Amino acid sequence: MELGDKAAGCLLLLFSTTLFAYYTFWVIITPFVDSDHFVHSYFPAREYAIIIPGIALVALVSFVLVFVGFVMVRSSQAKAKSKPKTN
């Protein structure tokens, strides 16, 4: 199983490094390249450089909040079941 974890880690590292390099090139380098250059055909409009990470951030925060809420509800249900009932 350890080899599978290493492979997954290497793939995640490769993916995140590639994504970081692509985004960095898109945001920092392409504004200095002529607008009719072929490089611009590989990138979306620059407005999306703010919109896409913003949507991803909202989705991530929403997921974390829903997860924390779910854990809190499950925890309170487990505590309620374990308490002895008094008459």
C-alpha atoms as a PDB file:
ATOM      1  CA  MET A   1       0.000   0.000   0.000  1.00  0.00           C
ATOM      2  CA  GLU A   2       2.931   2.313   0.630  1.00  0.00           C
ATOM      3  CA  LEU A   3       3.914   2.280  -3.042  1.00  0.00           C
ATOM      4  CA  GLY A   4       0.374   3.327  -4.003  1.00  0.00           C
ATOM      5  CA  ASP A   5       0.494   6.235  -1.580  1.00  0.00           C
ATOM      6  CA  LYS A   6       3.836   7.331  -3.018  1.00  0.00           C
ATOM      7  CA  ALA A   7       2.498   7.159  -6.554  1.00  0.00           C
ATOM      8  CA  ALA A   8      -0.600   9.147  -5.610  1.00  0.00           C
ATOM      9  CA  GLY A   9       1.577  11.740  -3.881  1.00  0.00           C
ATOM     10  CA  CYS A  10       3.844  12.027  -6.908  1.00  0.00           C
ATOM     11  CA  LEU A  11       0.852  12.435  -9.216  1.00  0.00           C
ATOM     12  CA  LEU A  12      -0.683  15.100  -6.985  1.00  0.00           C
ATOM     13  CA  LEU A  13       2.647  16.935  -6.809  1.00  0.00           C
ATOM     14  CA  LEU A  14       3.050  16.782 -10.588  1.00  0.00           C
ATOM     15  CA  PHE A  15      -0.523  17.982 -11.142  1.00  0.00           C
ATOM     16  CA  SER A  16      -0.251  20.876  -8.693  1.00  0.00           C
ATOM     17  CA  THR A  17       3.146  21.959 -10.047  1.00  0.00           C
ATOM     18  CA  THR A  18       1.830  21.899 -13.612  1.00  0.00           C
ATOM     19  CA  LEU A  19      -1.285  23.831 -12.625  1.00  0.00           C
ATOM     20  CA  PHE A  20       0.806  26.406 -10.746  1.00  0.00           C
ATOM     21  CA  ALA A  21       3.168  26.863 -13.699  1.00  0.00           C
ATOM     22  CA  TYR A  22       0.251  27.219 -16.152  1.00  0.00           C
ATOM     23  CA  TYR A  23      -1.537  29.775 -13.935  1.00  0.00           C
ATOM     24  CA  THR A  24       1.684  31.723 -13.293  1.00  0.00           C
ATOM     25  CA  PHE A  25       2.483  31.888 -16.990  1.00  0.00           C
ATOM     26  CA  TRP A  26      -1.102  32.892 -17.760  1.00  0.00           C
ATOM     27  CA  VAL A  27      -1.267  35.695 -15.192  1.00  0.00           C
ATOM     28  CA  ILE A  28       2.309  37.033 -15.171  1.00  0.00           C
ATOM     29  CA  ILE A  29       3.800  36.386 -18.610  1.00  0.00           C
ATOM     30  CA  THR A  30       0.935  36.700 -21.105  1.00  0.00           C
ATOM     31  CA  PRO A  31       0.179  40.380 -20.374  1.00  0.00           C
ATOM     32  CA  PHE A  32       3.638  41.205 -21.756  1.00  0.00           C
ATOM     33  CA  VAL A  33       3.162  39.159 -24.950  1.00  0.00           C
ATOM     34  CA  ASP A  34       1.569  40.746 -28.008  1.00  0.00           C
ATOM     35  CA  SER A  35      -2.161  40.057 -28.184  1.00  0.00           C
ATOM     36  CA  ASP A  36      -1.910  38.543 -31.686  1.00  0.00           C
ATOM     37  CA  HIS A  37       0.764  36.031 -30.643  1.00  0.00           C
ATOM     38  CA  PHE A  38      -0.167  32.326 -30.862  1.00  0.00           C
ATOM     39  CA  VAL A  39       0.535  31.843 -27.130  1.00  0.00           C
ATOM     40  CA  HIS A  40      -2.756  33.545 -26.259  1.00  0.00           C
ATOM     41  CA  SER A  41      -4.683  30.730 -27.944  1.00  0.00           C
ATOM     42  CA  TYR A  42      -3.653  28.387 -25.101  1.00  0.00           C
ATOM     43  CA  PHE A  43      -5.163  30.550 -22.349  1.00  0.00           C
ATOM     44  CA  PRO A  44      -8.664  31.832 -21.589  1.00  0.00           C
ATOM     45  CA  ALA A  45      -9.403  35.522 -21.147  1.00  0.00           C
ATOM     46  CA  ARG A  46      -7.580  37.164 -18.237  1.00  0.00           C
ATOM     47  CA  GLU A  47     -10.853  37.898 -16.423  1.00  0.00           C
ATOM     48  CA  TYR A  48     -11.082  34.199 -15.685  1.00  0.00           C
ATOM     49  CA  ALA A  49      -7.764  34.397 -13.820  1.00  0.00           C
ATOM     50  CA  ILE A  50      -9.737  35.947 -10.947  1.00  0.00           C
ATOM     51  CA  ILE A  51     -13.123  34.285 -11.479  1.00  0.00           C
ATOM     52  CA  ILE A  52     -11.927  30.648 -11.504  1.00  0.00           C
ATOM     53  CA  PRO A  53      -9.834  30.798  -8.289  1.00  0.00           C
ATOM     54  CA  GLY A  54     -12.634  32.786  -6.624  1.00  0.00           C
ATOM     55  CA  ILE A  55     -15.205  30.121  -7.436  1.00  0.00           C
ATOM     56  CA  ALA A  56     -12.777  27.395  -6.337  1.00  0.00           C
ATOM     57  CA  LEU A  57     -12.198  29.199  -3.034  1.00  0.00           C
ATOM     58  CA  VAL A  58     -15.936  29.575  -2.392  1.00  0.00           C
ATOM     59  CA  ALA A  59     -16.468  25.893  -3.218  1.00  0.00           C
ATOM     60  CA  LEU A  60     -13.620  24.830  -0.895  1.00  0.00           C
ATOM     61  CA  VAL A  61     -14.850  26.961   2.011  1.00  0.00           C
ATOM     62  CA  SER A  62     -18.405  25.687   1.474  1.00  0.00           C
ATOM     63  CA  PHE A  63     -17.207  22.080   1.466  1.00  0.00           C
ATOM     64  CA  VAL A  64     -15.211  22.596   4.670  1.00  0.00           C
ATOM     65  CA  LEU A  65     -18.148  24.264   6.425  1.00  0.00           C
ATOM     66  CA  VAL A  66     -20.579  21.523   5.372  1.00  0.00           C
ATOM     67  CA  PHE A  67     -18.095  18.871   6.505  1.00  0.00           C
ATOM     68  CA  VAL A  68     -17.596  20.532   9.892  1.00  0.00           C
ATOM     69  CA  GLY A  69     -21.367  20.894  10.304  1.00  0.00           C
ATOM     70  CA  PHE A  70     -21.875  17.237   9.406  1.00  0.00           C
ATOM     71  CA  VAL A  71     -19.241  16.145  11.944  1.00  0.00           C
ATOM     72  CA  MET A  72     -20.795  18.331  14.647  1.00  0.00           C
ATOM     73  CA  VAL A  73     -24.278  16.901  14.017  1.00  0.00           C
ATOM     74  CA  ARG A  74     -22.961  13.322  14.054  1.00  0.00           C
ATOM     75  CA  SER A  75     -21.036  14.030  17.247  1.00  0.00           C
ATOM     76  CA  SER A  76     -24.066  15.467  19.019  1.00  0.00           C
ATOM     77  CA  GLN A  77     -26.187  12.505  17.892  1.00  0.00           C
ATOM     78  CA  ALA A  78     -23.575  10.075  19.230  1.00  0.00           C
ATOM     79  CA  LYS A  79     -23.456  11.933  22.555  1.00  0.00           C
ATOM     80  CA  ALA A  80     -27.249  11.883  22.798  1.00  0.00           C
ATOM     81  CA  LYS A  81     -27.332   8.125  22.237  1.00  0.00           C
ATOM     82  CA  SER A  82     -24.644   7.430  24.819  1.00  0.00           C
ATOM     83  CA  LYS A  83     -26.226   9.451  27.647  1.00  0.00           C
ATOM     84  CA  PRO A  84     -28.322   7.403  30.079  1.00  0.00           C
ATOM     85  CA  LYS A  85     -31.944   8.493  30.305  1.00  0.00           C
ATOM     86  CA  THR A  86     -33.108   9.742  33.697  1.00  0.00           C
ATOM     87  CA  ASN A  87     -36.745   9.695  34.793  1.00  0.00           C
END
